């Protein structure tokens, strides 16, 4: 199980090593009989490779699920911070006449990445829309109303023209905030979305 915690800016870390520490959560889990371990992740941002070290709490004796505390900018299993993906999604979804390749290239330049492929953007966009769609469907059902037709289903759009609905949903959710302003403002907006979504849904945005 992953738990999202507030994070200092990635660039503030020493020697490109970012250590996650949440004193309140650590005290809680150690008092509950958990043992502290660590998980190590690698992230790329602004021409640098960062090592992110996250605390992991285990109760190996009784088979309890490990608990990993991750910073708000990290998405387990993805090599870039959350704001990189959200910027790419926001830029692409708010630029209907532009291609995924263009948006991916702009994202790569903005965040100083050696690579950021248009296929990476395409997969992130699909996952993003699927996640917000599933959450919307769950909320509708919980309210007692009928679920939105197709909500929660995995979208399939292999052709470029079929991304129009994906763009529409992403643009509606992000409200243009990710594609505006400076790089710092894009980063702050991405973290805001990630934290807000987790607080409200107890799940990750991407």
C-alpha atoms as a PDB file:
ATOM      1  CA  UNK A   1       0.000   0.000   0.000  1.00  0.00           C
ATOM      2  CA  UNK A   2       1.258   3.455  -0.888  1.00  0.00           C
ATOM      3  CA  UNK A   3       0.569   6.612   1.130  1.00  0.00           C
ATOM      4  CA  UNK A   4       1.134  10.043  -0.366  1.00  0.00           C
ATOM      5  CA  UNK A   5       2.848  12.629   1.802  1.00  0.00           C
ATOM      6  CA  UNK A   6       3.677  16.311   1.449  1.00  0.00           C
ATOM      7  CA  UNK A   7       6.980  16.865  -0.343  1.00  0.00           C
ATOM      8  CA  UNK A   8       9.680  19.474  -0.529  1.00  0.00           C
ATOM      9  CA  UNK A   9      10.796  20.431  -4.065  1.00  0.00           C
ATOM     10  CA  UNK A  10      12.851  17.695  -5.648  1.00  0.00           C
ATOM     11  CA  UNK A  11      15.660  20.084  -6.561  1.00  0.00           C
ATOM     12  CA  UNK A  12      16.225  20.970  -2.883  1.00  0.00           C
ATOM     13  CA  UNK A  13      17.721  17.566  -2.116  1.00  0.00           C
ATOM     14  CA  UNK A  14      21.438  17.094  -1.511  1.00  0.00           C
ATOM     15  CA  UNK A  15      23.581  15.257  -4.068  1.00  0.00           C
ATOM     16  CA  UNK A  16      20.440  14.356  -6.046  1.00  0.00           C
ATOM     17  CA  UNK A  17      19.270  12.025  -3.278  1.00  0.00           C
ATOM     18  CA  UNK A  18      15.788  12.738  -1.927  1.00  0.00           C
ATOM     19  CA  UNK A  19      14.873  11.096   1.384  1.00  0.00           C
ATOM     20  CA  UNK A  20      11.226  10.962   2.362  1.00  0.00           C
ATOM     21  CA  UNK A  21      10.523  11.490   6.038  1.00  0.00           C
ATOM     22  CA  UNK A  22       7.179  11.848   7.789  1.00  0.00           C
ATOM     23  CA  UNK A  23       7.745  11.879  11.531  1.00  0.00           C
ATOM     24  CA  UNK A  24       4.066  11.484  12.417  1.00  0.00           C
ATOM     25  CA  UNK A  25       3.525   8.458  10.205  1.00  0.00           C
ATOM     26  CA  UNK A  26       6.810   6.896  11.280  1.00  0.00           C
ATOM     27  CA  UNK A  27       5.902   7.189  14.963  1.00  0.00           C
ATOM     28  CA  UNK A  28       2.485   5.680  14.280  1.00  0.00           C
ATOM     29  CA  UNK A  29       3.743   2.631  12.407  1.00  0.00           C
ATOM     30  CA  UNK A  30       6.687   1.923  14.688  1.00  0.00           C
ATOM     31  CA  UNK A  31       4.341   2.119  17.678  1.00  0.00           C
ATOM     32  CA  UNK A  32       2.079  -0.340  15.872  1.00  0.00           C
ATOM     33  CA  UNK A  33       4.815  -2.942  15.661  1.00  0.00           C
ATOM     34  CA  UNK A  34       5.982  -2.323  12.097  1.00  0.00           C
ATOM     35  CA  UNK A  35       9.634  -2.577  11.094  1.00  0.00           C
ATOM     36  CA  UNK A  36      11.170   0.190   9.031  1.00  0.00           C
ATOM     37  CA  UNK A  37      12.769  -0.602   5.668  1.00  0.00           C
ATOM     38  CA  UNK A  38      13.419   1.441   2.548  1.00  0.00           C
ATOM     39  CA  UNK A  39      12.473   1.418  -1.106  1.00  0.00           C
ATOM     40  CA  UNK A  40      14.579   3.184  -3.694  1.00  0.00           C
ATOM     41  CA  UNK A  41      13.274   4.772  -6.892  1.00  0.00           C
ATOM     42  CA  UNK A  42      14.952   6.622  -9.752  1.00  0.00           C
ATOM     43  CA  UNK A  43      13.487   9.790 -11.274  1.00  0.00           C
ATOM     44  CA  UNK A  44      14.583  12.030 -14.139  1.00  0.00           C
ATOM     45  CA  UNK A  45      14.009  15.774 -14.155  1.00  0.00           C
ATOM     46  CA  UNK A  46      15.858  18.892 -15.360  1.00  0.00           C
ATOM     47  CA  UNK A  47      18.887  17.177 -16.857  1.00  0.00           C
ATOM     48  CA  UNK A  48      19.463  15.139 -13.697  1.00  0.00           C
ATOM     49  CA  UNK A  49      18.831  11.655 -12.344  1.00  0.00           C
ATOM     50  CA  UNK A  50      17.461  11.631  -8.805  1.00  0.00           C
ATOM     51  CA  UNK A  51      17.376   8.834  -6.265  1.00  0.00           C
ATOM     52  CA  UNK A  52      14.243   8.867  -4.122  1.00  0.00           C
ATOM     53  CA  UNK A  53      14.418   6.852  -0.903  1.00  0.00           C
ATOM     54  CA  UNK A  54      11.052   6.069   0.676  1.00  0.00           C
ATOM     55  CA  UNK A  55      10.381   4.477   4.065  1.00  0.00           C
ATOM     56  CA  UNK A  56       8.613   1.134   3.961  1.00  0.00           C
ATOM     57  CA  UNK A  57       6.930  -0.342   7.042  1.00  0.00           C
ATOM     58  CA  UNK A  58       6.358  -4.086   7.337  1.00  0.00           C
ATOM     59  CA  UNK A  59       4.896  -6.637   9.687  1.00  0.00           C
ATOM     60  CA  UNK A  60       6.445  -9.674   8.064  1.00  0.00           C
ATOM     61  CA  UNK A  61       5.448 -12.039  10.844  1.00  0.00           C
ATOM     62  CA  UNK A  62       1.696 -11.756  10.263  1.00  0.00           C
ATOM     63  CA  UNK A  63       1.768 -11.115   6.518  1.00  0.00           C
ATOM     64  CA  UNK A  64       0.426  -7.564   6.678  1.00  0.00           C
ATOM     65  CA  UNK A  65       0.659  -5.525   3.493  1.00  0.00           C
ATOM     66  CA  UNK A  66       3.794  -3.332   3.384  1.00  0.00           C
ATOM     67  CA  UNK A  67       3.160   0.405   3.643  1.00  0.00           C
ATOM     68  CA  UNK A  68       5.330   2.745   1.560  1.00  0.00           C
ATOM     69  CA  UNK A  69       5.358   6.519   2.104  1.00  0.00           C
ATOM     70  CA  UNK A  70       5.965   8.357  -1.170  1.00  0.00           C
ATOM     71  CA  UNK A  71       6.333  12.064  -1.947  1.00  0.00           C
ATOM     72  CA  UNK A  72       3.541  13.877  -3.772  1.00  0.00           C
ATOM     73  CA  UNK A  73       5.622  14.256  -6.928  1.00  0.00           C
ATOM     74  CA  UNK A  74       6.252  10.516  -7.388  1.00  0.00           C
ATOM     75  CA  UNK A  75       4.204   7.980  -9.306  1.00  0.00           C
ATOM     76  CA  UNK A  76       5.403   4.419  -8.534  1.00  0.00           C
ATOM     77  CA  UNK A  77       6.556   2.681 -11.675  1.00  0.00           C
ATOM     78  CA  UNK A  78       7.027   5.863 -13.729  1.00  0.00           C
ATOM     79  CA  UNK A  79      10.406   7.517 -14.391  1.00  0.00           C
ATOM     80  CA  UNK A  80       9.276  11.165 -14.285  1.00  0.00           C
ATOM     81  CA  UNK A  81       7.568  13.289 -11.620  1.00  0.00           C
ATOM     82  CA  UNK A  82       3.775  13.610 -11.740  1.00  0.00           C
ATOM     83  CA  UNK A  83       3.909  17.203 -12.950  1.00  0.00           C
ATOM     84  CA  UNK A  84       5.804  16.174 -16.085  1.00  0.00           C
ATOM     85  CA  UNK A  85       2.985  13.860 -17.152  1.00  0.00           C
ATOM     86  CA  UNK A  86       0.252  16.314 -16.180  1.00  0.00           C
ATOM     87  CA  UNK A  87       1.961  19.121 -18.061  1.00  0.00           C
ATOM     88  CA  UNK A  88       2.195  16.971 -21.192  1.00  0.00           C
ATOM     89  CA  UNK A  89      -1.449  15.922 -20.840  1.00  0.00           C
ATOM     90  CA  UNK A  90      -2.560  19.492 -20.161  1.00  0.00           C
ATOM     91  CA  UNK A  91      -0.593  20.919 -23.082  1.00  0.00           C
ATOM     92  CA  UNK A  92      -1.822  18.296 -25.518  1.00  0.00           C
ATOM     93  CA  UNK A  93      -5.453  18.436 -24.381  1.00  0.00           C
ATOM     94  CA  UNK A  94      -5.539  22.247 -24.644  1.00  0.00           C
ATOM     95  CA  UNK A  95      -3.934  22.332 -28.115  1.00  0.00           C
ATOM     96  CA  UNK A  96      -6.388  20.530 -30.410  1.00  0.00           C
ATOM     97  CA  UNK A  97      -4.461  21.378 -33.587  1.00  0.00           C
ATOM     98  CA  UNK A  98      -1.187  20.008 -32.273  1.00  0.00           C
ATOM     99  CA  UNK A  99       0.086  16.427 -32.253  1.00  0.00           C
ATOM    100  CA  UNK A 100       1.157  14.187 -29.404  1.00  0.00           C
ATOM    101  CA  UNK A 101       4.683  14.316 -30.768  1.00  0.00           C
ATOM    102  CA  UNK A 102       4.696  18.118 -30.550  1.00  0.00           C
ATOM    103  CA  UNK A 103       3.406  18.072 -26.962  1.00  0.00           C
ATOM    104  CA  UNK A 104       5.957  15.427 -25.987  1.00  0.00           C
ATOM    105  CA  UNK A 105       8.801  17.464 -27.501  1.00  0.00           C
ATOM    106  CA  UNK A 106       7.654  20.609 -25.689  1.00  0.00           C
ATOM    107  CA  UNK A 107       7.476  18.671 -22.419  1.00  0.00           C
ATOM    108  CA  UNK A 108      10.952  17.254 -22.921  1.00  0.00           C
ATOM    109  CA  UNK A 109      12.411  20.722 -23.476  1.00  0.00           C
ATOM    110  CA  UNK A 110      10.514  22.328 -20.615  1.00  0.00           C
ATOM    111  CA  UNK A 111      11.711  19.827 -18.024  1.00  0.00           C
ATOM    112  CA  UNK A 112      15.172  19.147 -19.407  1.00  0.00           C
ATOM    113  CA  UNK A 113      14.599  15.495 -20.246  1.00  0.00           C
ATOM    114  CA  UNK A 114      16.766  13.496 -22.617  1.00  0.00           C
ATOM    115  CA  UNK A 115      13.731  11.537 -23.754  1.00  0.00           C
ATOM    116  CA  UNK A 116       9.978  11.861 -23.427  1.00  0.00           C
ATOM    117  CA  UNK A 117       8.203  10.019 -26.210  1.00  0.00           C
ATOM    118  CA  UNK A 118       4.802  10.770 -27.677  1.00  0.00           C
ATOM    119  CA  UNK A 119       3.892   7.162 -26.885  1.00  0.00           C
ATOM    120  CA  UNK A 120       4.628   7.894 -23.217  1.00  0.00           C
ATOM    121  CA  UNK A 121       2.215  10.806 -23.411  1.00  0.00           C
ATOM    122  CA  UNK A 122      -0.404   8.647 -25.102  1.00  0.00           C
ATOM    123  CA  UNK A 123      -0.257   5.975 -22.413  1.00  0.00           C
ATOM    124  CA  UNK A 124      -0.322   8.550 -19.621  1.00  0.00           C
ATOM    125  CA  UNK A 125      -3.342  10.274 -21.164  1.00  0.00           C
ATOM    126  CA  UNK A 126      -5.264   7.002 -21.383  1.00  0.00           C
ATOM    127  CA  UNK A 127      -4.429   6.078 -17.792  1.00  0.00           C
ATOM    128  CA  UNK A 128      -5.319   9.569 -16.567  1.00  0.00           C
ATOM    129  CA  UNK A 129      -8.735   9.648 -18.233  1.00  0.00           C
ATOM    130  CA  UNK A 130      -9.457   6.094 -17.125  1.00  0.00           C
ATOM    131  CA  UNK A 131      -8.651   6.984 -13.512  1.00  0.00           C
ATOM    132  CA  UNK A 132     -10.831  10.089 -13.384  1.00  0.00           C
ATOM    133  CA  UNK A 133     -13.583   8.264 -15.238  1.00  0.00           C
ATOM    134  CA  UNK A 134     -13.586   5.360 -12.799  1.00  0.00           C
ATOM    135  CA  UNK A 135     -13.690   7.739  -9.841  1.00  0.00           C
ATOM    136  CA  UNK A 136     -16.558   9.690 -11.379  1.00  0.00           C
ATOM    137  CA  UNK A 137     -18.488   6.468 -11.934  1.00  0.00           C
ATOM    138  CA  UNK A 138     -17.924   5.356  -8.361  1.00  0.00           C
ATOM    139  CA  UNK A 139     -19.045   8.720  -7.019  1.00  0.00           C
ATOM    140  CA  UNK A 140     -22.209   8.638  -9.110  1.00  0.00           C
ATOM    141  CA  UNK A 141     -23.101   5.148  -7.939  1.00  0.00           C
ATOM    142  CA  UNK A 142     -22.400   6.088  -4.317  1.00  0.00           C
ATOM    143  CA  UNK A 143     -24.794   9.026  -4.663  1.00  0.00           C
ATOM    144  CA  UNK A 144     -27.515   6.651  -5.739  1.00  0.00           C
ATOM    145  CA  UNK A 145     -27.758   7.889  -9.302  1.00  0.00           C
ATOM    146  CA  UNK A 146     -27.098   5.955 -12.493  1.00  0.00           C
ATOM    147  CA  UNK A 147     -23.440   5.606 -13.470  1.00  0.00           C
ATOM    148  CA  UNK A 148     -22.199   7.424 -16.526  1.00  0.00           C
ATOM    149  CA  UNK A 149     -22.345   5.009 -19.481  1.00  0.00           C
ATOM    150  CA  UNK A 150     -18.901   3.662 -20.086  1.00  0.00           C
ATOM    151  CA  UNK A 151     -17.409   5.168 -16.924  1.00  0.00           C
ATOM    152  CA  UNK A 152     -14.697   2.947 -15.568  1.00  0.00           C
ATOM    153  CA  UNK A 153     -14.224   1.074 -18.817  1.00  0.00           C
ATOM    154  CA  UNK A 154     -10.755   1.019 -20.269  1.00  0.00           C
ATOM    155  CA  UNK A 155     -10.801   3.379 -23.244  1.00  0.00           C
ATOM    156  CA  UNK A 156      -9.495   2.220 -26.581  1.00  0.00           C
ATOM    157  CA  UNK A 157      -8.336   4.804 -29.095  1.00  0.00           C
ATOM    158  CA  UNK A 158      -5.630   3.532 -31.410  1.00  0.00           C
ATOM    159  CA  UNK A 159      -6.121   6.282 -34.008  1.00  0.00           C
ATOM    160  CA  UNK A 160      -5.109   9.928 -33.717  1.00  0.00           C
ATOM    161  CA  UNK A 161      -8.613  11.241 -34.461  1.00  0.00           C
ATOM    162  CA  UNK A 162     -10.022   9.096 -31.659  1.00  0.00           C
ATOM    163  CA  UNK A 163      -8.164  11.073 -28.983  1.00  0.00           C
ATOM    164  CA  UNK A 164     -10.679  13.927 -29.180  1.00  0.00           C
ATOM    165  CA  UNK A 165     -12.784  12.592 -26.294  1.00  0.00           C
ATOM    166  CA  UNK A 166      -9.685  11.925 -24.209  1.00  0.00           C
ATOM    167  CA  UNK A 167      -8.512  15.466 -24.773  1.00  0.00           C
ATOM    168  CA  UNK A 168     -11.923  16.841 -23.874  1.00  0.00           C
ATOM    169  CA  UNK A 169     -12.105  14.976 -20.573  1.00  0.00           C
ATOM    170  CA  UNK A 170      -8.522  15.815 -19.628  1.00  0.00           C
ATOM    171  CA  UNK A 171      -8.966  19.487 -20.530  1.00  0.00           C
ATOM    172  CA  UNK A 172     -12.182  19.683 -18.521  1.00  0.00           C
ATOM    173  CA  UNK A 173     -10.526  18.205 -15.434  1.00  0.00           C
ATOM    174  CA  UNK A 174      -7.304  20.236 -15.608  1.00  0.00           C
ATOM    175  CA  UNK A 175      -9.020  23.477 -16.571  1.00  0.00           C
ATOM    176  CA  UNK A 176      -5.990  24.757 -18.453  1.00  0.00           C
ATOM    177  CA  UNK A 177      -3.910  25.116 -15.289  1.00  0.00           C
ATOM    178  CA  UNK A 178      -1.101  22.776 -16.305  1.00  0.00           C
ATOM    179  CA  UNK A 179      -0.292  24.426 -19.633  1.00  0.00           C
ATOM    180  CA  UNK A 180      -0.082  28.005 -18.327  1.00  0.00           C
ATOM    181  CA  UNK A 181       2.677  29.976 -16.658  1.00  0.00           C
ATOM    182  CA  UNK A 182       6.271  29.132 -15.857  1.00  0.00           C
ATOM    183  CA  UNK A 183       7.817  25.725 -15.282  1.00  0.00           C
ATOM    184  CA  UNK A 184       7.642  26.341 -11.541  1.00  0.00           C
ATOM    185  CA  UNK A 185       3.939  27.156 -11.783  1.00  0.00           C
ATOM    186  CA  UNK A 186       3.337  23.978 -13.788  1.00  0.00           C
ATOM    187  CA  UNK A 187       5.147  21.982 -11.115  1.00  0.00           C
ATOM    188  CA  UNK A 188       3.127  23.584  -8.327  1.00  0.00           C
ATOM    189  CA  UNK A 189      -0.128  22.998 -10.188  1.00  0.00           C
ATOM    190  CA  UNK A 190       0.752  19.350 -10.795  1.00  0.00           C
ATOM    191  CA  UNK A 191       1.500  18.772  -7.124  1.00  0.00           C
ATOM    192  CA  UNK A 192      -1.718  20.544  -6.162  1.00  0.00           C
ATOM    193  CA  UNK A 193      -3.763  18.226  -8.385  1.00  0.00           C
ATOM    194  CA  UNK A 194      -1.959  15.136  -7.080  1.00  0.00           C
ATOM    195  CA  UNK A 195      -2.437  16.048  -3.407  1.00  0.00           C
ATOM    196  CA  UNK A 196      -6.050  17.178  -3.796  1.00  0.00           C
ATOM    197  CA  UNK A 197      -7.011  14.011  -5.664  1.00  0.00           C
ATOM    198  CA  UNK A 198      -5.346  11.781  -3.095  1.00  0.00           C
ATOM    199  CA  UNK A 199      -6.963  13.575  -0.153  1.00  0.00           C
ATOM    200  CA  UNK A 200     -10.400  13.325  -1.739  1.00  0.00           C
ATOM    201  CA  UNK A 201     -10.151   9.836  -3.267  1.00  0.00           C
ATOM    202  CA  UNK A 202      -7.373   8.033  -1.399  1.00  0.00           C
ATOM    203  CA  UNK A 203      -6.011   6.968  -4.741  1.00  0.00           C
ATOM    204  CA  UNK A 204      -3.403   8.228  -7.172  1.00  0.00           C
ATOM    205  CA  UNK A 205      -4.193  10.500 -10.061  1.00  0.00           C
ATOM    206  CA  UNK A 206      -1.935   8.679 -12.499  1.00  0.00           C
END
